[in-house]
Amino acid sequence: MPSSSGRRISRENLGAWILKCNPDVTDVGGLIDHGVSSWCVQKSYRTDLFEAGQPVLLWVSGSAGGVWASGHVTGPAELRSKYVVPVVLEFLPEPVVREVVRAHPGLAELEVLRQPQMSNPSFATRTQYAALRELQAG
């Protein structure tokens, strides 16, 4: 639901950032092997909201899509050659696949499901993030 400013996300309703990864473009195995310390994001009002400590999830798209990692933001987004947000991510023992996420009644409006082609970052509300954490716990 948009805020009074017309923006969908604010610090008050943010549960977690969702960073999307296209496995046709990015070597997911390499990410798992070598770790992730930052992620490219599109400059928007959302990039101004990043703060250290905010939860973050990595969503892999495609046939193996779903939540593959969780962690947190370690600082604000920065302009390098592109905008990047510094993160710490830990890959899950087993991804929470898209079908499981989609089947959860509290996640029908999850932005990454409704607008899969949208640029990074996406987000989950506090309620959606709690549901995603339940799914991660099994």
C-alpha atoms as a PDB file:
ATOM      1  CA  MET A   1       0.000   0.000   0.000  1.00  0.00           C
ATOM      2  CA  PRO A   2       1.451   3.393  -0.935  1.00  0.00           C
ATOM      3  CA  SER A   3       2.260   5.821   1.875  1.00  0.00           C
ATOM      4  CA  SER A   4       0.849   9.335   2.034  1.00  0.00           C
ATOM      5  CA  SER A   5       3.777  10.405  -0.176  1.00  0.00           C
ATOM      6  CA  GLY A   6       2.689   7.868  -2.819  1.00  0.00           C
ATOM      7  CA  ARG A   7       5.737   5.701  -2.222  1.00  0.00           C
ATOM      8  CA  ARG A   8       5.242   2.003  -1.580  1.00  0.00           C
ATOM      9  CA  ILE A   9       8.041   1.620   0.942  1.00  0.00           C
ATOM     10  CA  SER A  10       9.251   3.595   3.950  1.00  0.00           C
ATOM     11  CA  ARG A  11      11.460   2.871   6.937  1.00  0.00           C
ATOM     12  CA  GLU A  12       8.267   2.348   8.941  1.00  0.00           C
ATOM     13  CA  ASN A  13       6.813  -0.477   6.818  1.00  0.00           C
ATOM     14  CA  LEU A  14      10.049  -2.065   5.580  1.00  0.00           C
ATOM     15  CA  GLY A  15      10.491  -5.647   6.703  1.00  0.00           C
ATOM     16  CA  ALA A  16      13.378  -6.551   4.412  1.00  0.00           C
ATOM     17  CA  TRP A  17      14.976  -5.579   1.158  1.00  0.00           C
ATOM     18  CA  ILE A  18      14.796  -8.173  -1.591  1.00  0.00           C
ATOM     19  CA  LEU A  19      17.686  -8.164  -4.040  1.00  0.00           C
ATOM     20  CA  LYS A  20      17.056 -10.079  -7.249  1.00  0.00           C
ATOM     21  CA  CYS A  21      19.596 -12.233  -9.041  1.00  0.00           C
ATOM     22  CA  ASN A  22      19.192 -13.518 -12.584  1.00  0.00           C
ATOM     23  CA  PRO A  23      21.089 -16.839 -12.810  1.00  0.00           C
ATOM     24  CA  ASP A  24      21.389 -16.403 -16.596  1.00  0.00           C
ATOM     25  CA  VAL A  25      23.550 -13.331 -15.947  1.00  0.00           C
ATOM     26  CA  THR A  26      25.119 -14.011 -12.533  1.00  0.00           C
ATOM     27  CA  ASP A  27      27.052 -17.135 -11.480  1.00  0.00           C
ATOM     28  CA  VAL A  28      25.055 -18.170  -8.409  1.00  0.00           C
ATOM     29  CA  GLY A  29      27.518 -20.981  -7.650  1.00  0.00           C
ATOM     30  CA  GLY A  30      30.303 -18.401  -7.591  1.00  0.00           C
ATOM     31  CA  LEU A  31      28.298 -16.268  -5.181  1.00  0.00           C
ATOM     32  CA  ILE A  32      27.817 -19.264  -2.909  1.00  0.00           C
ATOM     33  CA  ASP A  33      31.523 -20.164  -3.090  1.00  0.00           C
ATOM     34  CA  HIS A  34      32.952 -16.663  -2.691  1.00  0.00           C
ATOM     35  CA  GLY A  35      30.285 -14.741  -0.783  1.00  0.00           C
ATOM     36  CA  VAL A  36      28.534 -11.472  -1.472  1.00  0.00           C
ATOM     37  CA  SER A  37      29.632  -8.117  -0.057  1.00  0.00           C
ATOM     38  CA  SER A  38      27.616  -5.737  -2.246  1.00  0.00           C
ATOM     39  CA  TRP A  39      24.802  -5.718  -4.795  1.00  0.00           C
ATOM     40  CA  CYS A  40      23.914  -3.352  -7.636  1.00  0.00           C
ATOM     41  CA  VAL A  41      20.709  -1.372  -7.211  1.00  0.00           C
ATOM     42  CA  GLN A  42      18.836   1.111  -9.370  1.00  0.00           C
ATOM     43  CA  LYS A  43      18.963   4.701  -8.113  1.00  0.00           C
ATOM     44  CA  SER A  44      15.554   5.712  -6.771  1.00  0.00           C
ATOM     45  CA  TYR A  45      14.022   7.000  -3.558  1.00  0.00           C
ATOM     46  CA  ARG A  46      14.547   3.460  -2.238  1.00  0.00           C
ATOM     47  CA  THR A  47      18.339   3.705  -2.429  1.00  0.00           C
ATOM     48  CA  ASP A  48      18.142   6.604   0.031  1.00  0.00           C
ATOM     49  CA  LEU A  49      16.417   4.320   2.568  1.00  0.00           C
ATOM     50  CA  PHE A  50      19.227   1.764   2.965  1.00  0.00           C
ATOM     51  CA  GLU A  51      20.680   1.667   6.489  1.00  0.00           C
ATOM     52  CA  ALA A  52      23.082  -0.642   8.267  1.00  0.00           C
ATOM     53  CA  GLY A  53      21.298  -3.491  10.024  1.00  0.00           C
ATOM     54  CA  GLN A  54      18.247  -3.692   7.757  1.00  0.00           C
ATOM     55  CA  PRO A  55      17.376  -7.272   6.763  1.00  0.00           C
ATOM     56  CA  VAL A  56      17.999  -8.343   3.175  1.00  0.00           C
ATOM     57  CA  LEU A  57      17.037 -11.428   1.168  1.00  0.00           C
ATOM     58  CA  LEU A  58      18.486 -12.667  -2.104  1.00  0.00           C
ATOM     59  CA  TRP A  59      15.840 -13.772  -4.596  1.00  0.00           C
ATOM     60  CA  VAL A  60      17.062 -15.914  -7.492  1.00  0.00           C
ATOM     61  CA  SER A  61      14.806 -15.723 -10.546  1.00  0.00           C
ATOM     62  CA  GLY A  62      14.102 -18.396 -13.150  1.00  0.00           C
ATOM     63  CA  SER A  63      13.098 -22.030 -12.827  1.00  0.00           C
ATOM     64  CA  ALA A  64      15.005 -22.436  -9.539  1.00  0.00           C
ATOM     65  CA  GLY A  65      13.617 -19.150  -8.253  1.00  0.00           C
ATOM     66  CA  GLY A  66      13.011 -18.225  -4.655  1.00  0.00           C
ATOM     67  CA  VAL A  67      14.825 -17.012  -1.564  1.00  0.00           C
ATOM     68  CA  TRP A  68      18.385 -18.326  -1.610  1.00  0.00           C
ATOM     69  CA  ALA A  69      20.107 -16.189   1.028  1.00  0.00           C
ATOM     70  CA  SER A  70      19.415 -13.859   3.923  1.00  0.00           C
ATOM     71  CA  GLY A  71      21.465 -11.291   5.757  1.00  0.00           C
ATOM     72  CA  HIS A  72      21.628  -7.581   6.368  1.00  0.00           C
ATOM     73  CA  VAL A  73      22.663  -4.261   4.896  1.00  0.00           C
ATOM     74  CA  THR A  74      25.978  -2.941   6.251  1.00  0.00           C
ATOM     75  CA  GLY A  75      25.695   0.687   5.133  1.00  0.00           C
ATOM     76  CA  PRO A  76      24.061   3.147   2.747  1.00  0.00           C
ATOM     77  CA  ALA A  77      23.981   2.681  -1.018  1.00  0.00           C
ATOM     78  CA  GLU A  78      26.987   4.247  -2.752  1.00  0.00           C
ATOM     79  CA  LEU A  79      27.719   5.367  -6.266  1.00  0.00           C
ATOM     80  CA  ARG A  80      30.680   3.478  -7.646  1.00  0.00           C
ATOM     81  CA  SER A  81      30.445   2.832 -11.383  1.00  0.00           C
ATOM     82  CA  LYS A  82      26.813   1.968 -10.493  1.00  0.00           C
ATOM     83  CA  TYR A  83      24.853   2.281  -7.267  1.00  0.00           C
ATOM     84  CA  VAL A  84      25.648  -0.580  -4.905  1.00  0.00           C
ATOM     85  CA  VAL A  85      24.492  -1.471  -1.440  1.00  0.00           C
ATOM     86  CA  PRO A  86      26.929  -3.203   0.942  1.00  0.00           C
ATOM     87  CA  VAL A  87      25.519  -6.424   2.383  1.00  0.00           C
ATOM     88  CA  VAL A  88      26.363  -9.582   4.278  1.00  0.00           C
ATOM     89  CA  LEU A  89      24.500 -12.634   2.968  1.00  0.00           C
ATOM     90  CA  GLU A  90      24.390 -16.205   4.201  1.00  0.00           C
ATOM     91  CA  PHE A  91      23.103 -18.774   1.743  1.00  0.00           C
ATOM     92  CA  LEU A  92      20.325 -21.007   3.047  1.00  0.00           C
ATOM     93  CA  PRO A  93      20.922 -24.773   3.282  1.00  0.00           C
ATOM     94  CA  GLU A  94      17.920 -25.159   0.946  1.00  0.00           C
ATOM     95  CA  PRO A  95      16.309 -22.293  -0.997  1.00  0.00           C
ATOM     96  CA  VAL A  96      12.692 -21.427  -0.260  1.00  0.00           C
ATOM     97  CA  VAL A  97      11.360 -21.997  -3.766  1.00  0.00           C
ATOM     98  CA  ARG A  98       8.961 -19.618  -5.480  1.00  0.00           C
ATOM     99  CA  GLU A  99       6.085 -22.144  -5.441  1.00  0.00           C
ATOM    100  CA  VAL A 100       6.284 -22.365  -1.637  1.00  0.00           C
ATOM    101  CA  VAL A 101       6.438 -18.575  -1.327  1.00  0.00           C
ATOM    102  CA  ARG A 102       3.534 -18.119  -3.752  1.00  0.00           C
ATOM    103  CA  ALA A 103       1.417 -20.702  -1.868  1.00  0.00           C
ATOM    104  CA  HIS A 104       1.707 -18.843   1.452  1.00  0.00           C
ATOM    105  CA  PRO A 105      -1.512 -16.853   2.019  1.00  0.00           C
ATOM    106  CA  GLY A 106       0.350 -13.900   3.515  1.00  0.00           C
ATOM    107  CA  LEU A 107       2.632 -13.469   0.509  1.00  0.00           C
ATOM    108  CA  ALA A 108       0.207 -13.066  -2.397  1.00  0.00           C
ATOM    109  CA  GLU A 109       1.069  -9.346  -2.660  1.00  0.00           C
ATOM    110  CA  LEU A 110       4.851  -9.766  -2.332  1.00  0.00           C
ATOM    111  CA  GLU A 111       6.356  -7.285  -4.777  1.00  0.00           C
ATOM    112  CA  VAL A 112       8.903  -9.712  -6.250  1.00  0.00           C
ATOM    113  CA  LEU A 113       6.016 -12.031  -7.235  1.00  0.00           C
ATOM    114  CA  ARG A 114       3.736  -9.276  -8.551  1.00  0.00           C
ATOM    115  CA  GLN A 115       6.448  -7.380 -10.459  1.00  0.00           C
ATOM    116  CA  PRO A 116       9.255  -9.836 -11.230  1.00  0.00           C
ATOM    117  CA  GLN A 117      10.802  -7.621 -13.924  1.00  0.00           C
ATOM    118  CA  MET A 118      11.153  -4.630 -11.612  1.00  0.00           C
ATOM    119  CA  SER A 119      14.710  -3.421 -11.003  1.00  0.00           C
ATOM    120  CA  ASN A 120      16.550  -3.859  -7.696  1.00  0.00           C
ATOM    121  CA  PRO A 121      15.730  -3.297  -4.923  1.00  0.00           C
ATOM    122  CA  SER A 122      12.405  -4.899  -4.168  1.00  0.00           C
ATOM    123  CA  PHE A 123      11.045  -5.194  -0.635  1.00  0.00           C
ATOM    124  CA  ALA A 124       8.890  -7.143   1.799  1.00  0.00           C
ATOM    125  CA  THR A 125       6.699  -5.458   4.380  1.00  0.00           C
ATOM    126  CA  ARG A 126       7.171  -6.360   8.040  1.00  0.00           C
ATOM    127  CA  THR A 127       4.298  -8.864   7.868  1.00  0.00           C
ATOM    128  CA  GLN A 128       5.616 -10.395   4.634  1.00  0.00           C
ATOM    129  CA  TYR A 129       9.133 -10.639   6.052  1.00  0.00           C
ATOM    130  CA  ALA A 130       7.800 -12.475   9.125  1.00  0.00           C
ATOM    131  CA  ALA A 131       6.075 -14.970   6.802  1.00  0.00           C
ATOM    132  CA  LEU A 132       9.271 -15.403   4.756  1.00  0.00           C
ATOM    133  CA  ARG A 133      11.258 -16.023   7.962  1.00  0.00           C
ATOM    134  CA  GLU A 134       8.721 -18.729   8.910  1.00  0.00           C
ATOM    135  CA  LEU A 135       9.284 -20.393   5.545  1.00  0.00           C
ATOM    136  CA  GLN A 136      13.066 -20.189   5.950  1.00  0.00           C
ATOM    137  CA  ALA A 137      12.820 -21.881   9.350  1.00  0.00           C
ATOM    138  CA  GLY A 138      10.889 -24.747   7.775  1.00  0.00           C
END
